[in-house]
């Protein structure tokens, strides 16, 4: 239940590394077949820790394989949050995200990302949605007590303007209540060492931290916790994507995403290949 968050002020969320997914991506790069990488897409799993290192939750994605392959990262899914001391049958919380037309202008319901926050009995306790036009030039989410509410109880907004994702810096989303007072933040942390960098380059595994006021209602903490996962699917599933085209001797790397009104456009750097002169990597 959301009451498990009553005394919580900070959580560290680590997405698990999936070897099969990394292997499929490596094979897709070697053969220059992007579709092959999609076939290795696995359901996300997260380990959640308190700031003193104790394990707080396990979060497991439940989704259909064909949806992950064809619609990632905008596929329909449920995230089941379990207490690590119990079995994986009785969820403490459930985060439900319907399939959306992602990475496009957030001007209608089918294009606005959303997530329903439920307790372990599948009763709604919160709701997270992109506002109309997605906050303009800064990625924004609104948190409500219930779907259909008109006034948000909190707003989550990225510090960055027009740019999101990228491996080499932290990405911070400030959380403000309805009066504009800061009540917490969500941070996608940059890799702390070469091992984490390699993990993020070869898979979807990321590390997040979330902080919120201790006296915040547990159901609202649960909504913010769910919003963290929605942010991961919206912006960081393909972060730092590397494509090594061995046949043409070309390497491409996604630096970041440009953001405007809900539209997400990858910004990629490439080197090698296609040269006609001496030392060129081949013909385009």
C-alpha atoms as a PDB file:
ATOM      1  CA  UNK A   1       0.000   0.000   0.000  1.00  0.00           C
ATOM      2  CA  UNK A   2       1.001   3.633  -0.416  1.00  0.00           C
ATOM      3  CA  UNK A   3       1.356   3.821   3.386  1.00  0.00           C
ATOM      4  CA  UNK A   4       4.762   2.179   2.917  1.00  0.00           C
ATOM      5  CA  UNK A   5       5.935   5.637   1.799  1.00  0.00           C
ATOM      6  CA  UNK A   6       4.738   7.460   4.923  1.00  0.00           C
ATOM      7  CA  UNK A   7       8.178   8.097   6.456  1.00  0.00           C
ATOM      8  CA  UNK A   8      10.068   8.141   3.146  1.00  0.00           C
ATOM      9  CA  UNK A   9      11.917  11.263   2.038  1.00  0.00           C
ATOM     10  CA  UNK A  10      14.268   9.921  -0.647  1.00  0.00           C
ATOM     11  CA  UNK A  11      14.444   6.893  -2.925  1.00  0.00           C
ATOM     12  CA  UNK A  12      17.098   5.633  -5.335  1.00  0.00           C
ATOM     13  CA  UNK A  13      15.716   3.755  -8.343  1.00  0.00           C
ATOM     14  CA  UNK A  14      18.023   1.479 -10.337  1.00  0.00           C
ATOM     15  CA  UNK A  15      16.804  -0.197 -13.506  1.00  0.00           C
ATOM     16  CA  UNK A  16      18.156  -3.704 -13.905  1.00  0.00           C
ATOM     17  CA  UNK A  17      20.613  -4.511 -16.694  1.00  0.00           C
ATOM     18  CA  UNK A  18      19.170  -7.063 -19.127  1.00  0.00           C
ATOM     19  CA  UNK A  19      21.931  -9.104 -20.892  1.00  0.00           C
ATOM     20  CA  UNK A  20      19.540 -10.398 -23.584  1.00  0.00           C
ATOM     21  CA  UNK A  21      18.554  -6.864 -24.498  1.00  0.00           C
ATOM     22  CA  UNK A  22      22.199  -5.757 -24.686  1.00  0.00           C
ATOM     23  CA  UNK A  23      23.086  -8.790 -26.818  1.00  0.00           C
ATOM     24  CA  UNK A  24      20.232  -8.104 -29.246  1.00  0.00           C
ATOM     25  CA  UNK A  25      21.321  -4.466 -29.575  1.00  0.00           C
ATOM     26  CA  UNK A  26      24.919  -5.530 -30.240  1.00  0.00           C
ATOM     27  CA  UNK A  27      23.793  -7.998 -32.916  1.00  0.00           C
ATOM     28  CA  UNK A  28      21.565  -5.351 -34.512  1.00  0.00           C
ATOM     29  CA  UNK A  29      24.518  -2.960 -34.689  1.00  0.00           C
ATOM     30  CA  UNK A  30      26.837  -5.587 -36.168  1.00  0.00           C
ATOM     31  CA  UNK A  31      24.324  -6.567 -38.863  1.00  0.00           C
ATOM     32  CA  UNK A  32      22.883  -3.050 -39.366  1.00  0.00           C
ATOM     33  CA  UNK A  33      19.382  -4.359 -38.617  1.00  0.00           C
ATOM     34  CA  UNK A  34      17.566  -2.061 -36.174  1.00  0.00           C
ATOM     35  CA  UNK A  35      14.541  -4.371 -36.087  1.00  0.00           C
ATOM     36  CA  UNK A  36      16.688  -7.142 -34.625  1.00  0.00           C
ATOM     37  CA  UNK A  37      17.399  -4.999 -31.569  1.00  0.00           C
ATOM     38  CA  UNK A  38      13.667  -4.554 -30.964  1.00  0.00           C
ATOM     39  CA  UNK A  39      13.190  -8.343 -30.855  1.00  0.00           C
ATOM     40  CA  UNK A  40      15.342  -8.484 -27.728  1.00  0.00           C
ATOM     41  CA  UNK A  41      13.264  -5.907 -25.857  1.00  0.00           C
ATOM     42  CA  UNK A  42      12.466  -7.167 -22.365  1.00  0.00           C
ATOM     43  CA  UNK A  43      10.116  -5.883 -19.667  1.00  0.00           C
ATOM     44  CA  UNK A  44      11.775  -3.361 -17.363  1.00  0.00           C
ATOM     45  CA  UNK A  45      12.643  -4.240 -13.775  1.00  0.00           C
ATOM     46  CA  UNK A  46      13.757  -1.814 -11.078  1.00  0.00           C
ATOM     47  CA  UNK A  47      15.286  -2.129  -7.625  1.00  0.00           C
ATOM     48  CA  UNK A  48      14.342   0.718  -5.273  1.00  0.00           C
ATOM     49  CA  UNK A  49      16.463   1.671  -2.266  1.00  0.00           C
ATOM     50  CA  UNK A  50      16.227   4.128   0.621  1.00  0.00           C
ATOM     51  CA  UNK A  51      18.971   6.721   1.064  1.00  0.00           C
ATOM     52  CA  UNK A  52      20.708   4.491   3.642  1.00  0.00           C
ATOM     53  CA  UNK A  53      20.989   1.629   1.123  1.00  0.00           C
ATOM     54  CA  UNK A  54      18.117  -0.520   2.377  1.00  0.00           C
ATOM     55  CA  UNK A  55      15.958  -2.200  -0.267  1.00  0.00           C
ATOM     56  CA  UNK A  56      12.494  -0.621  -0.297  1.00  0.00           C
ATOM     57  CA  UNK A  57      10.657  -2.001  -3.346  1.00  0.00           C
ATOM     58  CA  UNK A  58      10.956  -4.117  -6.446  1.00  0.00           C
ATOM     59  CA  UNK A  59       9.167  -2.774  -9.533  1.00  0.00           C
ATOM     60  CA  UNK A  60       8.330  -5.151 -12.376  1.00  0.00           C
ATOM     61  CA  UNK A  61       6.812  -4.213 -15.729  1.00  0.00           C
ATOM     62  CA  UNK A  62       3.972  -6.325 -17.085  1.00  0.00           C
ATOM     63  CA  UNK A  63       3.324  -5.841 -20.799  1.00  0.00           C
ATOM     64  CA  UNK A  64       2.783  -7.820 -23.980  1.00  0.00           C
ATOM     65  CA  UNK A  65       5.903  -8.784 -25.918  1.00  0.00           C
ATOM     66  CA  UNK A  66       4.508  -7.711 -29.296  1.00  0.00           C
ATOM     67  CA  UNK A  67       3.595  -4.302 -27.877  1.00  0.00           C
ATOM     68  CA  UNK A  68       7.153  -3.818 -26.586  1.00  0.00           C
ATOM     69  CA  UNK A  69       8.627  -4.800 -29.943  1.00  0.00           C
ATOM     70  CA  UNK A  70       6.325  -2.661 -32.075  1.00  0.00           C
ATOM     71  CA  UNK A  71       5.481   0.324 -29.861  1.00  0.00           C
ATOM     72  CA  UNK A  72       8.387   0.821 -27.420  1.00  0.00           C
ATOM     73  CA  UNK A  73       8.653   3.077 -25.454  1.00  0.00           C
ATOM     74  CA  UNK A  74       4.996   4.124 -25.843  1.00  0.00           C
ATOM     75  CA  UNK A  75       3.491   0.656 -25.320  1.00  0.00           C
ATOM     76  CA  UNK A  76       0.748  -0.104 -22.833  1.00  0.00           C
ATOM     77  CA  UNK A  77       2.109  -1.442 -19.560  1.00  0.00           C
ATOM     78  CA  UNK A  78       1.557  -1.892 -15.860  1.00  0.00           C
ATOM     79  CA  UNK A  79       4.282  -1.505 -13.262  1.00  0.00           C
ATOM     80  CA  UNK A  80       3.717  -3.643 -10.172  1.00  0.00           C
ATOM     81  CA  UNK A  81       5.465  -2.443  -7.021  1.00  0.00           C
ATOM     82  CA  UNK A  82       6.325  -5.179  -4.521  1.00  0.00           C
ATOM     83  CA  UNK A  83       7.710  -5.236  -1.018  1.00  0.00           C
ATOM     84  CA  UNK A  84      11.039  -7.138  -1.268  1.00  0.00           C
ATOM     85  CA  UNK A  85      10.258  -9.043   1.949  1.00  0.00           C
ATOM     86  CA  UNK A  86       7.124 -10.528   0.370  1.00  0.00           C
ATOM     87  CA  UNK A  87       6.497 -12.603  -2.735  1.00  0.00           C
ATOM     88  CA  UNK A  88       5.745 -11.136  -6.150  1.00  0.00           C
ATOM     89  CA  UNK A  89       2.031 -11.911  -5.972  1.00  0.00           C
ATOM     90  CA  UNK A  90       0.583  -9.101  -3.878  1.00  0.00           C
ATOM     91  CA  UNK A  91       1.546  -5.676  -5.199  1.00  0.00           C
ATOM     92  CA  UNK A  92       1.700  -2.699  -2.853  1.00  0.00           C
ATOM     93  CA  UNK A  93       1.035  -0.297  -5.748  1.00  0.00           C
ATOM     94  CA  UNK A  94       0.272  -0.516  -9.461  1.00  0.00           C
ATOM     95  CA  UNK A  95       1.115   2.106 -12.093  1.00  0.00           C
ATOM     96  CA  UNK A  96      -0.942   1.780 -15.287  1.00  0.00           C
ATOM     97  CA  UNK A  97       0.241   3.486 -18.493  1.00  0.00           C
ATOM     98  CA  UNK A  98      -1.924   3.149 -21.653  1.00  0.00           C
ATOM     99  CA  UNK A  99      -0.443   3.036 -25.153  1.00  0.00           C
ATOM    100  CA  UNK A 100       0.056   6.498 -26.663  1.00  0.00           C
ATOM    101  CA  UNK A 101       1.281   8.184 -29.844  1.00  0.00           C
ATOM    102  CA  UNK A 102       4.489   9.345 -28.218  1.00  0.00           C
ATOM    103  CA  UNK A 103       7.138  11.839 -29.253  1.00  0.00           C
ATOM    104  CA  UNK A 104       4.555  14.024 -30.995  1.00  0.00           C
ATOM    105  CA  UNK A 105       2.781  17.265 -30.112  1.00  0.00           C
ATOM    106  CA  UNK A 106       0.758  16.825 -26.888  1.00  0.00           C
ATOM    107  CA  UNK A 107      -2.348  18.502 -28.254  1.00  0.00           C
ATOM    108  CA  UNK A 108      -4.928  15.716 -27.852  1.00  0.00           C
ATOM    109  CA  UNK A 109      -5.590  12.847 -25.477  1.00  0.00           C
ATOM    110  CA  UNK A 110      -4.060  10.141 -27.686  1.00  0.00           C
ATOM    111  CA  UNK A 111      -0.771  12.060 -27.723  1.00  0.00           C
ATOM    112  CA  UNK A 112      -0.628  13.120 -24.058  1.00  0.00           C
ATOM    113  CA  UNK A 113       1.273  10.668 -21.889  1.00  0.00           C
ATOM    114  CA  UNK A 114      -0.540   9.591 -18.736  1.00  0.00           C
ATOM    115  CA  UNK A 115      -0.312   7.157 -15.846  1.00  0.00           C
ATOM    116  CA  UNK A 116      -2.950   6.000 -13.357  1.00  0.00           C
ATOM    117  CA  UNK A 117      -1.655   5.342  -9.845  1.00  0.00           C
ATOM    118  CA  UNK A 118      -3.415   2.553  -7.930  1.00  0.00           C
ATOM    119  CA  UNK A 119      -3.040   0.852  -4.593  1.00  0.00           C
ATOM    120  CA  UNK A 120      -2.606  -2.901  -4.303  1.00  0.00           C
ATOM    121  CA  UNK A 121      -6.376  -3.398  -4.623  1.00  0.00           C
ATOM    122  CA  UNK A 122      -6.425  -1.587  -7.995  1.00  0.00           C
ATOM    123  CA  UNK A 123      -8.240   1.441  -6.548  1.00  0.00           C
ATOM    124  CA  UNK A 124      -7.140   4.735  -8.056  1.00  0.00           C
ATOM    125  CA  UNK A 125      -5.174   6.968  -5.663  1.00  0.00           C
ATOM    126  CA  UNK A 126      -3.550   9.359  -8.145  1.00  0.00           C
ATOM    127  CA  UNK A 127      -3.137  10.385 -11.758  1.00  0.00           C
ATOM    128  CA  UNK A 128      -0.275  11.867 -13.814  1.00  0.00           C
ATOM    129  CA  UNK A 129      -0.655  13.482 -17.252  1.00  0.00           C
ATOM    130  CA  UNK A 130       1.097  15.771 -19.686  1.00  0.00           C
ATOM    131  CA  UNK A 131      -0.624  19.165 -19.910  1.00  0.00           C
ATOM    132  CA  UNK A 132      -1.807  20.608 -23.220  1.00  0.00           C
ATOM    133  CA  UNK A 133       1.272  21.112 -25.445  1.00  0.00           C
ATOM    134  CA  UNK A 134       3.436  19.344 -22.864  1.00  0.00           C
ATOM    135  CA  UNK A 135       4.638  22.438 -21.052  1.00  0.00           C
ATOM    136  CA  UNK A 136       5.963  24.250 -24.105  1.00  0.00           C
ATOM    137  CA  UNK A 137       9.772  24.149 -24.207  1.00  0.00           C
ATOM    138  CA  UNK A 138      10.247  22.443 -20.818  1.00  0.00           C
ATOM    139  CA  UNK A 139       8.996  18.864 -20.296  1.00  0.00           C
ATOM    140  CA  UNK A 140       6.128  19.056 -17.791  1.00  0.00           C
ATOM    141  CA  UNK A 141       3.769  16.661 -16.007  1.00  0.00           C
ATOM    142  CA  UNK A 142       0.743  17.441 -13.865  1.00  0.00           C
ATOM    143  CA  UNK A 143      -0.289  15.350 -10.855  1.00  0.00           C
ATOM    144  CA  UNK A 144      -3.957  15.015  -9.844  1.00  0.00           C
ATOM    145  CA  UNK A 145      -5.761  13.155  -7.075  1.00  0.00           C
ATOM    146  CA  UNK A 146      -8.047  11.524  -9.663  1.00  0.00           C
ATOM    147  CA  UNK A 147      -8.319  11.262 -13.422  1.00  0.00           C
ATOM    148  CA  UNK A 148     -10.745  13.931 -14.586  1.00  0.00           C
ATOM    149  CA  UNK A 149      -9.712  16.519 -11.997  1.00  0.00           C
ATOM    150  CA  UNK A 150      -9.148  19.918 -13.577  1.00  0.00           C
ATOM    151  CA  UNK A 151      -6.701  21.419 -11.100  1.00  0.00           C
ATOM    152  CA  UNK A 152      -3.348  19.703 -10.472  1.00  0.00           C
ATOM    153  CA  UNK A 153      -2.137  19.166  -6.915  1.00  0.00           C
ATOM    154  CA  UNK A 154       1.480  19.271  -8.111  1.00  0.00           C
ATOM    155  CA  UNK A 155       3.499  20.103 -11.218  1.00  0.00           C
ATOM    156  CA  UNK A 156       6.706  18.391 -12.292  1.00  0.00           C
ATOM    157  CA  UNK A 157       8.878  20.463 -14.624  1.00  0.00           C
ATOM    158  CA  UNK A 158      12.330  19.894 -16.094  1.00  0.00           C
ATOM    159  CA  UNK A 159      14.989  22.494 -15.432  1.00  0.00           C
ATOM    160  CA  UNK A 160      16.204  22.158 -19.015  1.00  0.00           C
ATOM    161  CA  UNK A 161      14.724  24.177 -21.877  1.00  0.00           C
ATOM    162  CA  UNK A 162      14.325  22.636 -25.353  1.00  0.00           C
ATOM    163  CA  UNK A 163      16.738  19.806 -24.495  1.00  0.00           C
ATOM    164  CA  UNK A 164      16.337  16.586 -22.545  1.00  0.00           C
ATOM    165  CA  UNK A 165      18.238  13.311 -22.005  1.00  0.00           C
ATOM    166  CA  UNK A 166      21.954  12.919 -22.717  1.00  0.00           C
ATOM    167  CA  UNK A 167      24.379  10.814 -20.710  1.00  0.00           C
ATOM    168  CA  UNK A 168      26.898  13.337 -19.465  1.00  0.00           C
ATOM    169  CA  UNK A 169      24.907  15.416 -16.994  1.00  0.00           C
ATOM    170  CA  UNK A 170      22.173  15.052 -14.387  1.00  0.00           C
ATOM    171  CA  UNK A 171      18.620  15.840 -15.488  1.00  0.00           C
ATOM    172  CA  UNK A 172      16.491  17.437 -12.779  1.00  0.00           C
ATOM    173  CA  UNK A 173      12.701  17.750 -12.638  1.00  0.00           C
ATOM    174  CA  UNK A 174      11.489  20.102  -9.900  1.00  0.00           C
ATOM    175  CA  UNK A 175       8.208  19.320  -8.110  1.00  0.00           C
ATOM    176  CA  UNK A 176       5.958  22.176  -6.964  1.00  0.00           C
ATOM    177  CA  UNK A 177       2.604  22.049  -5.209  1.00  0.00           C
ATOM    178  CA  UNK A 178      -0.465  24.023  -6.309  1.00  0.00           C
ATOM    179  CA  UNK A 179       0.810  27.139  -4.491  1.00  0.00           C
ATOM    180  CA  UNK A 180       4.167  27.033  -6.268  1.00  0.00           C
ATOM    181  CA  UNK A 181       6.141  25.781  -3.259  1.00  0.00           C
ATOM    182  CA  UNK A 182       8.897  23.283  -3.985  1.00  0.00           C
ATOM    183  CA  UNK A 183       8.081  19.892  -2.444  1.00  0.00           C
ATOM    184  CA  UNK A 184      10.725  17.704  -4.052  1.00  0.00           C
ATOM    185  CA  UNK A 185      12.585  16.738  -7.190  1.00  0.00           C
ATOM    186  CA  UNK A 186      13.252  13.845  -9.536  1.00  0.00           C
ATOM    187  CA  UNK A 187      16.797  13.438 -10.873  1.00  0.00           C
ATOM    188  CA  UNK A 188      18.006  11.174 -13.665  1.00  0.00           C
ATOM    189  CA  UNK A 189      21.633  10.818 -12.582  1.00  0.00           C
ATOM    190  CA  UNK A 190      24.564  10.686 -14.965  1.00  0.00           C
ATOM    191  CA  UNK A 191      26.778   7.562 -14.968  1.00  0.00           C
ATOM    192  CA  UNK A 192      29.115   7.646 -11.968  1.00  0.00           C
ATOM    193  CA  UNK A 193      31.835   5.468 -13.522  1.00  0.00           C
ATOM    194  CA  UNK A 194      32.826   3.703 -16.741  1.00  0.00           C
ATOM    195  CA  UNK A 195      30.843   0.615 -15.764  1.00  0.00           C
ATOM    196  CA  UNK A 196      27.587   2.570 -15.496  1.00  0.00           C
ATOM    197  CA  UNK A 197      28.410   4.400 -18.735  1.00  0.00           C
ATOM    198  CA  UNK A 198      28.886   1.103 -20.571  1.00  0.00           C
ATOM    199  CA  UNK A 199      25.644  -0.226 -19.100  1.00  0.00           C
ATOM    200  CA  UNK A 200      23.633   2.783 -20.287  1.00  0.00           C
ATOM    201  CA  UNK A 201      25.249   2.690 -23.745  1.00  0.00           C
ATOM    202  CA  UNK A 202      24.401  -0.976 -24.296  1.00  0.00           C
ATOM    203  CA  UNK A 203      20.975  -1.146 -22.620  1.00  0.00           C
ATOM    204  CA  UNK A 204      18.049   0.878 -21.259  1.00  0.00           C
ATOM    205  CA  UNK A 205      19.237   0.641 -17.645  1.00  0.00           C
ATOM    206  CA  UNK A 206      19.168   4.022 -15.854  1.00  0.00           C
ATOM    207  CA  UNK A 207      19.496   5.373 -12.319  1.00  0.00           C
ATOM    208  CA  UNK A 208      17.054   7.879 -10.788  1.00  0.00           C
ATOM    209  CA  UNK A 209      16.664   9.592  -7.440  1.00  0.00           C
ATOM    210  CA  UNK A 210      13.502  11.149  -6.028  1.00  0.00           C
ATOM    211  CA  UNK A 211      13.095  13.402  -3.004  1.00  0.00           C
ATOM    212  CA  UNK A 212       9.855  14.638  -1.463  1.00  0.00           C
ATOM    213  CA  UNK A 213       8.688  16.348   1.697  1.00  0.00           C
ATOM    214  CA  UNK A 214       8.363  13.904   4.571  1.00  0.00           C
ATOM    215  CA  UNK A 215       4.926  15.218   5.569  1.00  0.00           C
ATOM    216  CA  UNK A 216       3.455  14.755   2.078  1.00  0.00           C
ATOM    217  CA  UNK A 217       0.478  12.393   1.969  1.00  0.00           C
ATOM    218  CA  UNK A 218       1.502   8.800   1.080  1.00  0.00           C
ATOM    219  CA  UNK A 219      -0.899   8.685  -1.896  1.00  0.00           C
ATOM    220  CA  UNK A 220       0.740  11.805  -3.341  1.00  0.00           C
ATOM    221  CA  UNK A 221       4.202  10.361  -2.778  1.00  0.00           C
ATOM    222  CA  UNK A 222       3.000   7.301  -4.692  1.00  0.00           C
ATOM    223  CA  UNK A 223       1.874   9.538  -7.573  1.00  0.00           C
ATOM    224  CA  UNK A 224       5.277  11.225  -7.726  1.00  0.00           C
ATOM    225  CA  UNK A 225       6.982   7.821  -7.559  1.00  0.00           C
ATOM    226  CA  UNK A 226       4.853   6.713 -10.511  1.00  0.00           C
ATOM    227  CA  UNK A 227       5.698   9.940 -12.365  1.00  0.00           C
ATOM    228  CA  UNK A 228       9.397   9.048 -12.089  1.00  0.00           C
ATOM    229  CA  UNK A 229       8.777   5.866 -14.052  1.00  0.00           C
ATOM    230  CA  UNK A 230       6.658   7.684 -16.623  1.00  0.00           C
ATOM    231  CA  UNK A 231       9.544  10.133 -17.148  1.00  0.00           C
ATOM    232  CA  UNK A 232      11.872   7.171 -17.704  1.00  0.00           C
ATOM    233  CA  UNK A 233       9.673   5.748 -20.461  1.00  0.00           C
ATOM    234  CA  UNK A 234       9.075   9.149 -22.040  1.00  0.00           C
ATOM    235  CA  UNK A 235      12.661  10.391 -22.260  1.00  0.00           C
ATOM    236  CA  UNK A 236      15.319   7.911 -21.189  1.00  0.00           C
ATOM    237  CA  UNK A 237      14.573   4.513 -22.762  1.00  0.00           C
ATOM    238  CA  UNK A 238      16.801   5.292 -25.770  1.00  0.00           C
ATOM    239  CA  UNK A 239      19.214   7.656 -24.045  1.00  0.00           C
ATOM    240  CA  UNK A 240      22.775   7.492 -25.371  1.00  0.00           C
ATOM    241  CA  UNK A 241      21.748   5.085 -28.127  1.00  0.00           C
ATOM    242  CA  UNK A 242      24.806   3.920 -30.082  1.00  0.00           C
ATOM    243  CA  UNK A 243      24.716   2.503 -33.601  1.00  0.00           C
ATOM    244  CA  UNK A 244      27.914   0.931 -34.963  1.00  0.00           C
ATOM    245  CA  UNK A 245      27.596   0.216 -38.701  1.00  0.00           C
ATOM    246  CA  UNK A 246      30.534  -2.143 -39.289  1.00  0.00           C
ATOM    247  CA  UNK A 247      29.752  -2.602 -43.004  1.00  0.00           C
ATOM    248  CA  UNK A 248      30.066   1.124 -43.720  1.00  0.00           C
ATOM    249  CA  UNK A 249      32.553   1.958 -40.975  1.00  0.00           C
ATOM    250  CA  UNK A 250      30.229   4.472 -39.320  1.00  0.00           C
ATOM    251  CA  UNK A 251      29.468   5.208 -35.685  1.00  0.00           C
ATOM    252  CA  UNK A 252      26.446   7.269 -34.598  1.00  0.00           C
ATOM    253  CA  UNK A 253      25.571   8.377 -31.073  1.00  0.00           C
ATOM    254  CA  UNK A 254      22.453  10.067 -29.728  1.00  0.00           C
ATOM    255  CA  UNK A 255      23.587  13.148 -27.807  1.00  0.00           C
ATOM    256  CA  UNK A 256      20.209  14.321 -26.533  1.00  0.00           C
ATOM    257  CA  UNK A 257      16.599  14.987 -27.527  1.00  0.00           C
ATOM    258  CA  UNK A 258      15.221  18.325 -28.638  1.00  0.00           C
ATOM    259  CA  UNK A 259      11.868  19.058 -26.974  1.00  0.00           C
ATOM    260  CA  UNK A 260       9.012  21.343 -27.958  1.00  0.00           C
ATOM    261  CA  UNK A 261       5.330  21.101 -26.974  1.00  0.00           C
ATOM    262  CA  UNK A 262       5.583  17.348 -26.373  1.00  0.00           C
ATOM    263  CA  UNK A 263       7.513  16.629 -29.573  1.00  0.00           C
ATOM    264  CA  UNK A 264      10.773  14.761 -29.012  1.00  0.00           C
ATOM    265  CA  UNK A 265      13.382  14.792 -31.781  1.00  0.00           C
ATOM    266  CA  UNK A 266      16.705  12.935 -31.325  1.00  0.00           C
ATOM    267  CA  UNK A 267      19.917  14.853 -31.906  1.00  0.00           C
ATOM    268  CA  UNK A 268      22.588  12.464 -33.205  1.00  0.00           C
ATOM    269  CA  UNK A 269      26.297  12.781 -33.974  1.00  0.00           C
ATOM    270  CA  UNK A 270      27.964  10.494 -36.514  1.00  0.00           C
ATOM    271  CA  UNK A 271      31.499   9.888 -37.680  1.00  0.00           C
ATOM    272  CA  UNK A 272      33.142   7.749 -40.353  1.00  0.00           C
ATOM    273  CA  UNK A 273      31.639   6.197 -43.466  1.00  0.00           C
ATOM    274  CA  UNK A 274      30.567   7.712 -46.731  1.00  0.00           C
ATOM    275  CA  UNK A 275      33.818   9.453 -47.634  1.00  0.00           C
ATOM    276  CA  UNK A 276      34.810   9.683 -51.286  1.00  0.00           C
ATOM    277  CA  UNK A 277      38.299  10.861 -50.596  1.00  0.00           C
ATOM    278  CA  UNK A 278      41.319   9.122 -49.202  1.00  0.00           C
ATOM    279  CA  UNK A 279      40.556   7.483 -45.869  1.00  0.00           C
ATOM    280  CA  UNK A 280      36.788   7.679 -46.400  1.00  0.00           C
ATOM    281  CA  UNK A 281      34.573   5.085 -44.884  1.00  0.00           C
ATOM    282  CA  UNK A 282      32.789   4.125 -48.107  1.00  0.00           C
ATOM    283  CA  UNK A 283      30.094   5.488 -50.380  1.00  0.00           C
ATOM    284  CA  UNK A 284      26.814   6.908 -49.154  1.00  0.00           C
END
